[in-house]
Amino acid sequence: SLIDRMLEVSDADSLAAMHALSDLLGRRVGPSTGTNLVAML
């Protein structure tokens, strides 16, 4: 009841966003951060 929207993210998109964000920041981030980025986009 506290959540306004749920977005399901595929594993391929999570890993892709993990790599893309790691490249953007110049350091590695974990896969759950990739999941977050997919939903943000």
PDB file of all heavy atoms in Angstrom:
ATOM      1  N   SER A   1       0.811  -1.220   0.000  1.00  0.00           N
ATOM      2  CA  SER A   1       0.000   0.000   0.000  1.00  0.00           C
ATOM      3  C   SER A   1       0.842   1.268   0.000  1.00  0.00           C
ATOM      4  O   SER A   1       0.334   2.360  -0.275  1.00  0.00           O
ATOM      5  CB  SER A   1      -0.942   0.004   1.210  1.00  0.00           C
ATOM      6  OG  SER A   1      -0.203  -0.102   2.421  1.00  0.00           O
ATOM      7  N   LEU A   2       2.134   1.149   0.288  1.00  0.00           N
ATOM      8  CA  LEU A   2       3.020   2.316   0.304  1.00  0.00           C
ATOM      9  C   LEU A   2       3.635   2.598  -1.059  1.00  0.00           C
ATOM     10  O   LEU A   2       4.301   3.618  -1.236  1.00  0.00           O
ATOM     11  CB  LEU A   2       4.151   2.087   1.319  1.00  0.00           C
ATOM     12  CG  LEU A   2       3.724   1.952   2.772  1.00  0.00           C
ATOM     13  CD1 LEU A   2       4.900   1.509   3.637  1.00  0.00           C
ATOM     14  CD2 LEU A   2       3.163   3.274   3.288  1.00  0.00           C
ATOM     15  N   ILE A   3       3.416   1.713  -2.030  1.00  0.00           N
ATOM     16  CA  ILE A   3       4.121   1.771  -3.313  1.00  0.00           C
ATOM     17  C   ILE A   3       3.174   2.246  -4.407  1.00  0.00           C
ATOM     18  O   ILE A   3       2.102   1.689  -4.602  1.00  0.00           O
ATOM     19  CB  ILE A   3       4.702   0.384  -3.650  1.00  0.00           C
ATOM     20  CG1 ILE A   3       5.704  -0.025  -2.576  1.00  0.00           C
ATOM     21  CG2 ILE A   3       5.349   0.378  -5.036  1.00  0.00           C
ATOM     22  CD1 ILE A   3       6.001  -1.500  -2.540  1.00  0.00           C
ATOM     23  N   ASP A   4       3.590   3.291  -5.123  1.00  0.00           N
ATOM     24  CA  ASP A   4       2.749   3.863  -6.173  1.00  0.00           C
ATOM     25  C   ASP A   4       2.848   3.100  -7.485  1.00  0.00           C
ATOM     26  O   ASP A   4       1.893   3.077  -8.266  1.00  0.00           O
ATOM     27  CB  ASP A   4       3.146   5.329  -6.403  1.00  0.00           C
ATOM     28  CG  ASP A   4       2.921   6.174  -5.165  1.00  0.00           C
ATOM     29  OD1 ASP A   4       1.756   6.354  -4.772  1.00  0.00           O
ATOM     30  OD2 ASP A   4       3.922   6.641  -4.568  1.00  0.00           O
ATOM     31  N   ARG A   5       4.003   2.495  -7.733  1.00  0.00           N
ATOM     32  CA  ARG A   5       4.172   1.770  -8.996  1.00  0.00           C
ATOM     33  C   ARG A   5       5.209   0.677  -8.839  1.00  0.00           C
ATOM     34  O   ARG A   5       6.222   0.867  -8.163  1.00  0.00           O
ATOM     35  CB  ARG A   5       4.585   2.729 -10.112  1.00  0.00           C
ATOM     36  CG  ARG A   5       4.616   2.070 -11.489  1.00  0.00           C
ATOM     37  CD  ARG A   5       4.736   3.093 -12.588  1.00  0.00           C
ATOM     38  NE  ARG A   5       4.809   2.477 -13.894  1.00  0.00           N
ATOM     39  CZ  ARG A   5       5.040   3.129 -15.027  1.00  0.00           C
ATOM     40  NH1 ARG A   5       5.210   4.444 -14.999  1.00  0.00           N
ATOM     41  NH2 ARG A   5       5.095   2.502 -16.176  1.00  0.00           N
ATOM     42  N   MET A   6       4.930  -0.466  -9.455  1.00  0.00           N
ATOM     43  CA  MET A   6       5.890  -1.564  -9.539  1.00  0.00           C
ATOM     44  C   MET A   6       6.311  -1.727 -10.994  1.00  0.00           C
ATOM     45  O   MET A   6       5.478  -1.657 -11.896  1.00  0.00           O
ATOM     46  CB  MET A   6       5.272  -2.877  -9.063  1.00  0.00           C
ATOM     47  CG  MET A   6       4.837  -2.910  -7.617  1.00  0.00           C
ATOM     48  SD  MET A   6       6.182  -3.112  -6.420  1.00  0.00           S
ATOM     49  CE  MET A   6       6.941  -4.651  -6.920  1.00  0.00           C
ATOM     50  N   LEU A   7       7.599  -1.929 -11.224  1.00  0.00           N
ATOM     51  CA  LEU A   7       8.093  -2.185 -12.573  1.00  0.00           C
ATOM     52  C   LEU A   7       8.934  -3.455 -12.562  1.00  0.00           C
ATOM     53  O   LEU A   7       9.899  -3.558 -11.804  1.00  0.00           O
ATOM     54  CB  LEU A   7       8.941  -1.018 -13.078  1.00  0.00           C
ATOM     55  CG  LEU A   7       8.188   0.246 -13.495  1.00  0.00           C
ATOM     56  CD1 LEU A   7       9.163   1.367 -13.815  1.00  0.00           C
ATOM     57  CD2 LEU A   7       7.306  -0.037 -14.707  1.00  0.00           C
ATOM     58  N   GLU A   8       8.558  -4.430 -13.386  1.00  0.00           N
ATOM     59  CA  GLU A   8       9.341  -5.655 -13.483  1.00  0.00           C
ATOM     60  C   GLU A   8      10.467  -5.456 -14.490  1.00  0.00           C
ATOM     61  O   GLU A   8      10.250  -4.930 -15.584  1.00  0.00           O
ATOM     62  CB  GLU A   8       8.454  -6.827 -13.913  1.00  0.00           C
ATOM     63  CG  GLU A   8       9.198  -8.150 -13.910  1.00  0.00           C
ATOM     64  CD  GLU A   8       8.290  -9.341 -14.126  1.00  0.00           C
ATOM     65  OE1 GLU A   8       7.076  -9.134 -14.357  1.00  0.00           O
ATOM     66  OE2 GLU A   8       8.784 -10.481 -14.064  1.00  0.00           O
ATOM     67  N   VAL A   9      11.668  -5.873 -14.102  1.00  0.00           N
ATOM     68  CA  VAL A   9      12.865  -5.646 -14.911  1.00  0.00           C
ATOM     69  C   VAL A   9      13.482  -6.989 -15.263  1.00  0.00           C
ATOM     70  O   VAL A   9      13.703  -7.841 -14.392  1.00  0.00           O
ATOM     71  CB  VAL A   9      13.883  -4.778 -14.144  1.00  0.00           C
ATOM     72  CG1 VAL A   9      15.152  -4.571 -14.967  1.00  0.00           C
ATOM     73  CG2 VAL A   9      13.257  -3.432 -13.773  1.00  0.00           C
ATOM     74  N   SER A  10      13.768  -7.183 -16.547  1.00  0.00           N
ATOM     75  CA  SER A  10      14.376  -8.443 -16.975  1.00  0.00           C
ATOM     76  C   SER A  10      15.819  -8.534 -16.488  1.00  0.00           C
ATOM     77  O   SER A  10      16.484  -7.526 -16.243  1.00  0.00           O
ATOM     78  CB  SER A  10      14.343  -8.557 -18.507  1.00  0.00           C
ATOM     79  OG  SER A  10      15.299  -7.680 -19.093  1.00  0.00           O
ATOM     80  N   ASP A  11      16.315  -9.766 -16.377  1.00  0.00           N
ATOM     81  CA  ASP A  11      17.695  -9.965 -15.947  1.00  0.00           C
ATOM     82  C   ASP A  11      18.682  -9.349 -16.932  1.00  0.00           C
ATOM     83  O   ASP A  11      19.672  -8.731 -16.530  1.00  0.00           O
ATOM     84  CB  ASP A  11      17.987 -11.465 -15.809  1.00  0.00           C
ATOM     85  CG  ASP A  11      17.220 -12.106 -14.668  1.00  0.00           C
ATOM     86  OD1 ASP A  11      16.848 -11.385 -13.725  1.00  0.00           O
ATOM     87  OD2 ASP A  11      16.990 -13.330 -14.724  1.00  0.00           O
ATOM     88  N   ALA A  12      18.398  -9.500 -18.230  1.00  0.00           N
ATOM     89  CA  ALA A  12      19.304  -8.937 -19.240  1.00  0.00           C
ATOM     90  C   ALA A  12      19.393  -7.426 -19.106  1.00  0.00           C
ATOM     91  O   ALA A  12      20.479  -6.842 -19.206  1.00  0.00           O
ATOM     92  CB  ALA A  12      18.831  -9.324 -20.639  1.00  0.00           C
ATOM     93  N   ASP A  13      18.254  -6.763 -18.865  1.00  0.00           N
ATOM     94  CA  ASP A  13      18.264  -5.312 -18.709  1.00  0.00           C
ATOM     95  C   ASP A  13      18.995  -4.898 -17.436  1.00  0.00           C
ATOM     96  O   ASP A  13      19.708  -3.886 -17.413  1.00  0.00           O
ATOM     97  CB  ASP A  13      16.830  -4.773 -18.680  1.00  0.00           C
ATOM     98  CG  ASP A  13      16.187  -4.758 -20.060  1.00  0.00           C
ATOM     99  OD1 ASP A  13      16.898  -4.973 -21.056  1.00  0.00           O
ATOM    100  OD2 ASP A  13      14.957  -4.534 -20.134  1.00  0.00           O
ATOM    101  N   SER A  14      18.821  -5.663 -16.350  1.00  0.00           N
ATOM    102  CA  SER A  14      19.526  -5.349 -15.101  1.00  0.00           C
ATOM    103  C   SER A  14      21.036  -5.404 -15.299  1.00  0.00           C
ATOM    104  O   SER A  14      21.768  -4.502 -14.866  1.00  0.00           O
ATOM    105  CB  SER A  14      19.117  -6.326 -13.994  1.00  0.00           C
ATOM    106  OG  SER A  14      17.793  -6.113 -13.566  1.00  0.00           O
ATOM    107  N   LEU A  15      21.511  -6.481 -15.954  1.00  0.00           N
ATOM    108  CA  LEU A  15      22.952  -6.604 -16.176  1.00  0.00           C
ATOM    109  C   LEU A  15      23.463  -5.546 -17.141  1.00  0.00           C
ATOM    110  O   LEU A  15      24.545  -4.981 -16.944  1.00  0.00           O
ATOM    111  CB  LEU A  15      23.284  -8.004 -16.708  1.00  0.00           C
ATOM    112  CG  LEU A  15      23.736  -9.004 -15.640  1.00  0.00           C
ATOM    113  CD1 LEU A  15      22.595  -9.335 -14.690  1.00  0.00           C
ATOM    114  CD2 LEU A  15      24.296 -10.266 -16.278  1.00  0.00           C
ATOM    115  N   ALA A  16      22.672  -5.254 -18.176  1.00  0.00           N
ATOM    116  CA  ALA A  16      23.085  -4.229 -19.129  1.00  0.00           C
ATOM    117  C   ALA A  16      23.221  -2.870 -18.447  1.00  0.00           C
ATOM    118  O   ALA A  16      24.210  -2.146 -18.660  1.00  0.00           O
ATOM    119  CB  ALA A  16      22.070  -4.149 -20.265  1.00  0.00           C
ATOM    120  N   ALA A  17      22.245  -2.523 -17.628  1.00  0.00           N
ATOM    121  CA  ALA A  17      22.291  -1.232 -16.926  1.00  0.00           C
ATOM    122  C   ALA A  17      23.427  -1.198 -15.915  1.00  0.00           C
ATOM    123  O   ALA A  17      24.048  -0.146 -15.701  1.00  0.00           O
ATOM    124  CB  ALA A  17      20.953  -0.973 -16.243  1.00  0.00           C
ATOM    125  N   MET A  18      23.713  -2.329 -15.283  1.00  0.00           N
ATOM    126  CA  MET A  18      24.868  -2.415 -14.383  1.00  0.00           C
ATOM    127  C   MET A  18      26.153  -2.043 -15.122  1.00  0.00           C
ATOM    128  O   MET A  18      26.964  -1.239 -14.632  1.00  0.00           O
ATOM    129  CB  MET A  18      24.957  -3.839 -13.824  1.00  0.00           C
ATOM    130  CG  MET A  18      26.171  -4.132 -12.978  1.00  0.00           C
ATOM    131  SD  MET A  18      26.380  -5.914 -12.637  1.00  0.00           S
ATOM    132  CE  MET A  18      27.074  -6.471 -14.219  1.00  0.00           C
ATOM    133  N   HIS A  19      26.336  -2.610 -16.316  1.00  0.00           N
ATOM    134  CA  HIS A  19      27.542  -2.318 -17.096  1.00  0.00           C
ATOM    135  C   HIS A  19      27.550  -0.873 -17.601  1.00  0.00           C
ATOM    136  O   HIS A  19      28.585  -0.196 -17.541  1.00  0.00           O
ATOM    137  CB  HIS A  19      27.646  -3.289 -18.284  1.00  0.00           C
ATOM    138  CG  HIS A  19      28.082  -4.664 -17.899  1.00  0.00           C
ATOM    139  ND1 HIS A  19      29.354  -4.955 -17.465  1.00  0.00           N
ATOM    140  CD2 HIS A  19      27.403  -5.850 -17.883  1.00  0.00           C
ATOM    141  CE1 HIS A  19      29.458  -6.242 -17.203  1.00  0.00           C
ATOM    142  NE2 HIS A  19      28.285  -6.813 -17.448  1.00  0.00           N
ATOM    143  N   ALA A  20      26.415  -0.397 -18.096  1.00  0.00           N
ATOM    144  CA  ALA A  20      26.360   0.961 -18.638  1.00  0.00           C
ATOM    145  C   ALA A  20      26.628   1.991 -17.546  1.00  0.00           C
ATOM    146  O   ALA A  20      27.355   2.976 -17.768  1.00  0.00           O
ATOM    147  CB  ALA A  20      24.992   1.211 -19.279  1.00  0.00           C
ATOM    148  N   LEU A  21      26.063   1.781 -16.378  1.00  0.00           N
ATOM    149  CA  LEU A  21      26.276   2.726 -15.270  1.00  0.00           C
ATOM    150  C   LEU A  21      27.706   2.649 -14.757  1.00  0.00           C
ATOM    151  O   LEU A  21      28.301   3.684 -14.418  1.00  0.00           O
ATOM    152  CB  LEU A  21      25.284   2.443 -14.149  1.00  0.00           C
ATOM    153  CG  LEU A  21      25.320   3.397 -12.952  1.00  0.00           C
ATOM    154  CD1 LEU A  21      25.093   4.844 -13.384  1.00  0.00           C
ATOM    155  CD2 LEU A  21      24.271   2.987 -11.912  1.00  0.00           C
ATOM    156  N   SER A  22      28.270   1.453 -14.717  1.00  0.00           N
ATOM    157  CA  SER A  22      29.669   1.314 -14.307  1.00  0.00           C
ATOM    158  C   SER A  22      30.578   2.090 -15.242  1.00  0.00           C
ATOM    159  O   SER A  22      31.518   2.768 -14.807  1.00  0.00           O
ATOM    160  CB  SER A  22      30.074  -0.164 -14.286  1.00  0.00           C
ATOM    161  OG  SER A  22      29.334  -0.884 -13.319  1.00  0.00           O
ATOM    162  N   ASP A  23      30.293   2.021 -16.534  1.00  0.00           N
ATOM    163  CA  ASP A  23      31.078   2.795 -17.511  1.00  0.00           C
ATOM    164  C   ASP A  23      30.886   4.291 -17.304  1.00  0.00           C
ATOM    165  O   ASP A  23      31.849   5.068 -17.393  1.00  0.00           O
ATOM    166  CB  ASP A  23      30.658   2.416 -18.931  1.00  0.00           C
ATOM    167  CG  ASP A  23      31.051   0.990 -19.300  1.00  0.00           C
ATOM    168  OD1 ASP A  23      31.909   0.409 -18.609  1.00  0.00           O
ATOM    169  OD2 ASP A  23      30.480   0.452 -20.268  1.00  0.00           O
ATOM    170  N   LEU A  24      29.656   4.706 -17.027  1.00  0.00           N
ATOM    171  CA  LEU A  24      29.365   6.127 -16.843  1.00  0.00           C
ATOM    172  C   LEU A  24      30.083   6.699 -15.624  1.00  0.00           C
ATOM    173  O   LEU A  24      30.602   7.820 -15.659  1.00  0.00           O
ATOM    174  CB  LEU A  24      27.852   6.328 -16.698  1.00  0.00           C
ATOM    175  CG  LEU A  24      27.347   7.762 -16.522  1.00  0.00           C
ATOM    176  CD1 LEU A  24      27.582   8.568 -17.792  1.00  0.00           C
ATOM    177  CD2 LEU A  24      25.862   7.747 -16.165  1.00  0.00           C
ATOM    178  N   LEU A  25      30.127   5.923 -14.542  1.00  0.00           N
ATOM    179  CA  LEU A  25      30.715   6.406 -13.289  1.00  0.00           C
ATOM    180  C   LEU A  25      32.212   6.132 -13.190  1.00  0.00           C
ATOM    181  O   LEU A  25      32.896   6.709 -12.328  1.00  0.00           O
ATOM    182  CB  LEU A  25      30.009   5.747 -12.097  1.00  0.00           C
ATOM    183  CG  LEU A  25      28.524   6.070 -11.909  1.00  0.00           C
ATOM    184  CD1 LEU A  25      27.970   5.295 -10.722  1.00  0.00           C
ATOM    185  CD2 LEU A  25      28.312   7.573 -11.718  1.00  0.00           C
ATOM    186  N   GLY A  26      32.718   5.224 -14.029  1.00  0.00           N
ATOM    187  CA  GLY A  26      34.131   4.879 -13.950  1.00  0.00           C
ATOM    188  C   GLY A  26      34.452   3.940 -12.809  1.00  0.00           C
ATOM    189  O   GLY A  26      35.615   3.813 -12.408  1.00  0.00           O
ATOM    190  N   ARG A  27      33.454   3.246 -12.271  1.00  0.00           N
ATOM    191  CA  ARG A  27      33.652   2.247 -11.214  1.00  0.00           C
ATOM    192  C   ARG A  27      32.476   1.285 -11.226  1.00  0.00           C
ATOM    193  O   ARG A  27      31.385   1.635 -11.668  1.00  0.00           O
ATOM    194  CB  ARG A  27      33.788   2.890  -9.840  1.00  0.00           C
ATOM    195  CG  ARG A  27      32.592   3.707  -9.383  1.00  0.00           C
ATOM    196  CD  ARG A  27      32.934   4.420  -8.082  1.00  0.00           C
ATOM    197  NE  ARG A  27      31.885   5.281  -7.596  1.00  0.00           N
ATOM    198  CZ  ARG A  27      31.001   4.942  -6.662  1.00  0.00           C
ATOM    199  NH1 ARG A  27      31.049   3.728  -6.123  1.00  0.00           N
ATOM    200  NH2 ARG A  27      30.086   5.785  -6.247  1.00  0.00           N
ATOM    201  N   ARG A  28      32.699   0.093 -10.761  1.00  0.00           N
ATOM    202  CA  ARG A  28      31.681  -0.943 -10.846  1.00  0.00           C
ATOM    203  C   ARG A  28      30.580  -0.771  -9.801  1.00  0.00           C
ATOM    204  O   ARG A  28      30.859  -0.455  -8.646  1.00  0.00           O
ATOM    205  CB  ARG A  28      32.324  -2.324 -10.673  1.00  0.00           C
ATOM    206  CG  ARG A  28      33.175  -2.752 -11.848  1.00  0.00           C
ATOM    207  CD  ARG A  28      33.894  -4.054 -11.533  1.00  0.00           C
ATOM    208  NE  ARG A  28      34.585  -4.567 -12.716  1.00  0.00           N
ATOM    209  CZ  ARG A  28      35.413  -5.593 -12.694  1.00  0.00           C
ATOM    210  NH1 ARG A  28      35.653  -6.230 -11.554  1.00  0.00           N
ATOM    211  NH2 ARG A  28      35.998  -6.013 -13.803  1.00  0.00           N
ATOM    212  N   VAL A  29      29.351  -0.999 -10.254  1.00  0.00           N
ATOM    213  CA  VAL A  29      28.200  -1.033  -9.352  1.00  0.00           C
ATOM    214  C   VAL A  29      27.586  -2.423  -9.420  1.00  0.00           C
ATOM    215  O   VAL A  29      27.784  -3.159 -10.377  1.00  0.00           O
ATOM    216  CB  VAL A  29      27.151   0.042  -9.717  1.00  0.00           C
ATOM    217  CG1 VAL A  29      27.773   1.426  -9.718  1.00  0.00           C
ATOM    218  CG2 VAL A  29      26.502  -0.265 -11.072  1.00  0.00           C
ATOM    219  N   GLY A  30      26.821  -2.793  -8.389  1.00  0.00           N
ATOM    220  CA  GLY A  30      26.219  -4.108  -8.342  1.00  0.00           C
ATOM    221  C   GLY A  30      24.996  -4.234  -9.234  1.00  0.00           C
ATOM    222  O   GLY A  30      24.445  -3.241  -9.726  1.00  0.00           O
ATOM    223  N   PRO A  31      24.524  -5.462  -9.445  1.00  0.00           N
ATOM    224  CA  PRO A  31      23.410  -5.693 -10.375  1.00  0.00           C
ATOM    225  C   PRO A  31      22.082  -5.101  -9.911  1.00  0.00           C
ATOM    226  O   PRO A  31      21.260  -4.717 -10.741  1.00  0.00           O
ATOM    227  CB  PRO A  31      23.339  -7.223 -10.461  1.00  0.00           C
ATOM    228  CG  PRO A  31      23.979  -7.719  -9.204  1.00  0.00           C
ATOM    229  CD  PRO A  31      25.065  -6.729  -8.902  1.00  0.00           C
ATOM    230  N   SER A  32      21.833  -5.016  -8.609  1.00  0.00           N
ATOM    231  CA  SER A  32      20.570  -4.437  -8.150  1.00  0.00           C
ATOM    232  C   SER A  32      20.507  -2.940  -8.459  1.00  0.00           C
ATOM    233  O   SER A  32      19.422  -2.397  -8.684  1.00  0.00           O
ATOM    234  CB  SER A  32      20.366  -4.678  -6.654  1.00  0.00           C
ATOM    235  OG  SER A  32      21.401  -4.108  -5.885  1.00  0.00           O
ATOM    236  N   THR A  33      21.665  -2.291  -8.511  1.00  0.00           N
ATOM    237  CA  THR A  33      21.694  -0.888  -8.928  1.00  0.00           C
ATOM    238  C   THR A  33      21.322  -0.774 -10.403  1.00  0.00           C
ATOM    239  O   THR A  33      20.641   0.176 -10.816  1.00  0.00           O
ATOM    240  CB  THR A  33      23.080  -0.279  -8.672  1.00  0.00           C
ATOM    241  OG1 THR A  33      23.420  -0.447  -7.288  1.00  0.00           O
ATOM    242  CG2 THR A  33      23.095   1.210  -9.005  1.00  0.00           C
ATOM    243  N   GLY A  34      21.740  -1.747 -11.197  1.00  0.00           N
ATOM    244  CA  GLY A  34      21.316  -1.787 -12.594  1.00  0.00           C
ATOM    245  C   GLY A  34      19.809  -1.912 -12.713  1.00  0.00           C
ATOM    246  O   GLY A  34      19.177  -1.241 -13.545  1.00  0.00           O
ATOM    247  N   THR A  35      19.196  -2.746 -11.882  1.00  0.00           N
ATOM    248  CA  THR A  35      17.738  -2.881 -11.874  1.00  0.00           C
ATOM    249  C   THR A  35      17.081  -1.539 -11.593  1.00  0.00           C
ATOM    250  O   THR A  35      16.103  -1.149 -12.254  1.00  0.00           O
ATOM    251  CB  THR A  35      17.305  -3.918 -10.811  1.00  0.00           C
ATOM    252  OG1 THR A  35      18.028  -5.139 -11.000  1.00  0.00           O
ATOM    253  CG2 THR A  35      15.812  -4.186 -10.891  1.00  0.00           C
ATOM    254  N   ASN A  36      17.610  -0.817 -10.613  1.00  0.00           N
ATOM    255  CA  ASN A  36      17.069   0.509 -10.287  1.00  0.00           C
ATOM    256  C   ASN A  36      17.157   1.460 -11.470  1.00  0.00           C
ATOM    257  O   ASN A  36      16.211   2.208 -11.758  1.00  0.00           O
ATOM    258  CB  ASN A  36      17.833   1.113  -9.102  1.00  0.00           C
ATOM    259  CG  ASN A  36      17.544   0.414  -7.788  1.00  0.00           C
ATOM    260  OD1 ASN A  36      16.561  -0.307  -7.655  1.00  0.00           O
ATOM    261  ND2 ASN A  36      18.402   0.632  -6.810  1.00  0.00           N
ATOM    262  N   LEU A  37      18.299   1.447 -12.169  1.00  0.00           N
ATOM    263  CA  LEU A  37      18.488   2.370 -13.284  1.00  0.00           C
ATOM    264  C   LEU A  37      17.504   2.092 -14.414  1.00  0.00           C
ATOM    265  O   LEU A  37      16.984   3.022 -15.040  1.00  0.00           O
ATOM    266  CB  LEU A  37      19.920   2.288 -13.799  1.00  0.00           C
ATOM    267  CG  LEU A  37      20.243   3.214 -14.986  1.00  0.00           C
ATOM    268  CD1 LEU A  37      20.049   4.679 -14.617  1.00  0.00           C
ATOM    269  CD2 LEU A  37      21.664   2.972 -15.494  1.00  0.00           C
ATOM    270  N   VAL A  38      17.221   0.830 -14.677  1.00  0.00           N
ATOM    271  CA  VAL A  38      16.254   0.489 -15.733  1.00  0.00           C
ATOM    272  C   VAL A  38      14.899   1.118 -15.414  1.00  0.00           C
ATOM    273  O   VAL A  38      14.245   1.705 -16.287  1.00  0.00           O
ATOM    274  CB  VAL A  38      16.119  -1.034 -15.886  1.00  0.00           C
ATOM    275  CG1 VAL A  38      14.996  -1.380 -16.865  1.00  0.00           C
ATOM    276  CG2 VAL A  38      17.431  -1.637 -16.378  1.00  0.00           C
ATOM    277  N   ALA A  39      14.460   1.010 -14.172  1.00  0.00           N
ATOM    278  CA  ALA A  39      13.176   1.605 -13.788  1.00  0.00           C
ATOM    279  C   ALA A  39      13.217   3.122 -13.873  1.00  0.00           C
ATOM    280  O   ALA A  39      12.240   3.759 -14.303  1.00  0.00           O
ATOM    281  CB  ALA A  39      12.810   1.165 -12.377  1.00  0.00           C
ATOM    282  N   MET A  40      14.329   3.738 -13.486  1.00  0.00           N
ATOM    283  CA  MET A  40      14.459   5.196 -13.592  1.00  0.00           C
ATOM    284  C   MET A  40      14.302   5.645 -15.038  1.00  0.00           C
ATOM    285  O   MET A  40      13.606   6.637 -15.321  1.00  0.00           O
ATOM    286  CB  MET A  40      15.821   5.643 -13.051  1.00  0.00           C
ATOM    287  CG  MET A  40      16.011   5.445 -11.561  1.00  0.00           C
ATOM    288  SD  MET A  40      17.693   5.877 -11.038  1.00  0.00           S
ATOM    289  CE  MET A  40      17.569   7.670 -10.915  1.00  0.00           C
ATOM    290  N   LEU A  41      14.938   4.936 -15.950  1.00  0.00           N
ATOM    291  CA  LEU A  41      14.855   5.312 -17.365  1.00  0.00           C
ATOM    292  C   LEU A  41      13.440   5.132 -17.903  1.00  0.00           C
ATOM    293  O   LEU A  41      12.964   5.958 -18.699  1.00  0.00           O
ATOM    294  CB  LEU A  41      15.844   4.477 -18.177  1.00  0.00           C
ATOM    295  CG  LEU A  41      17.322   4.831 -17.983  1.00  0.00           C
ATOM    296  CD1 LEU A  41      18.223   3.758 -18.579  1.00  0.00           C
ATOM    297  CD2 LEU A  41      17.635   6.193 -18.600  1.00  0.00           C
TER     298      LEU A  41
END
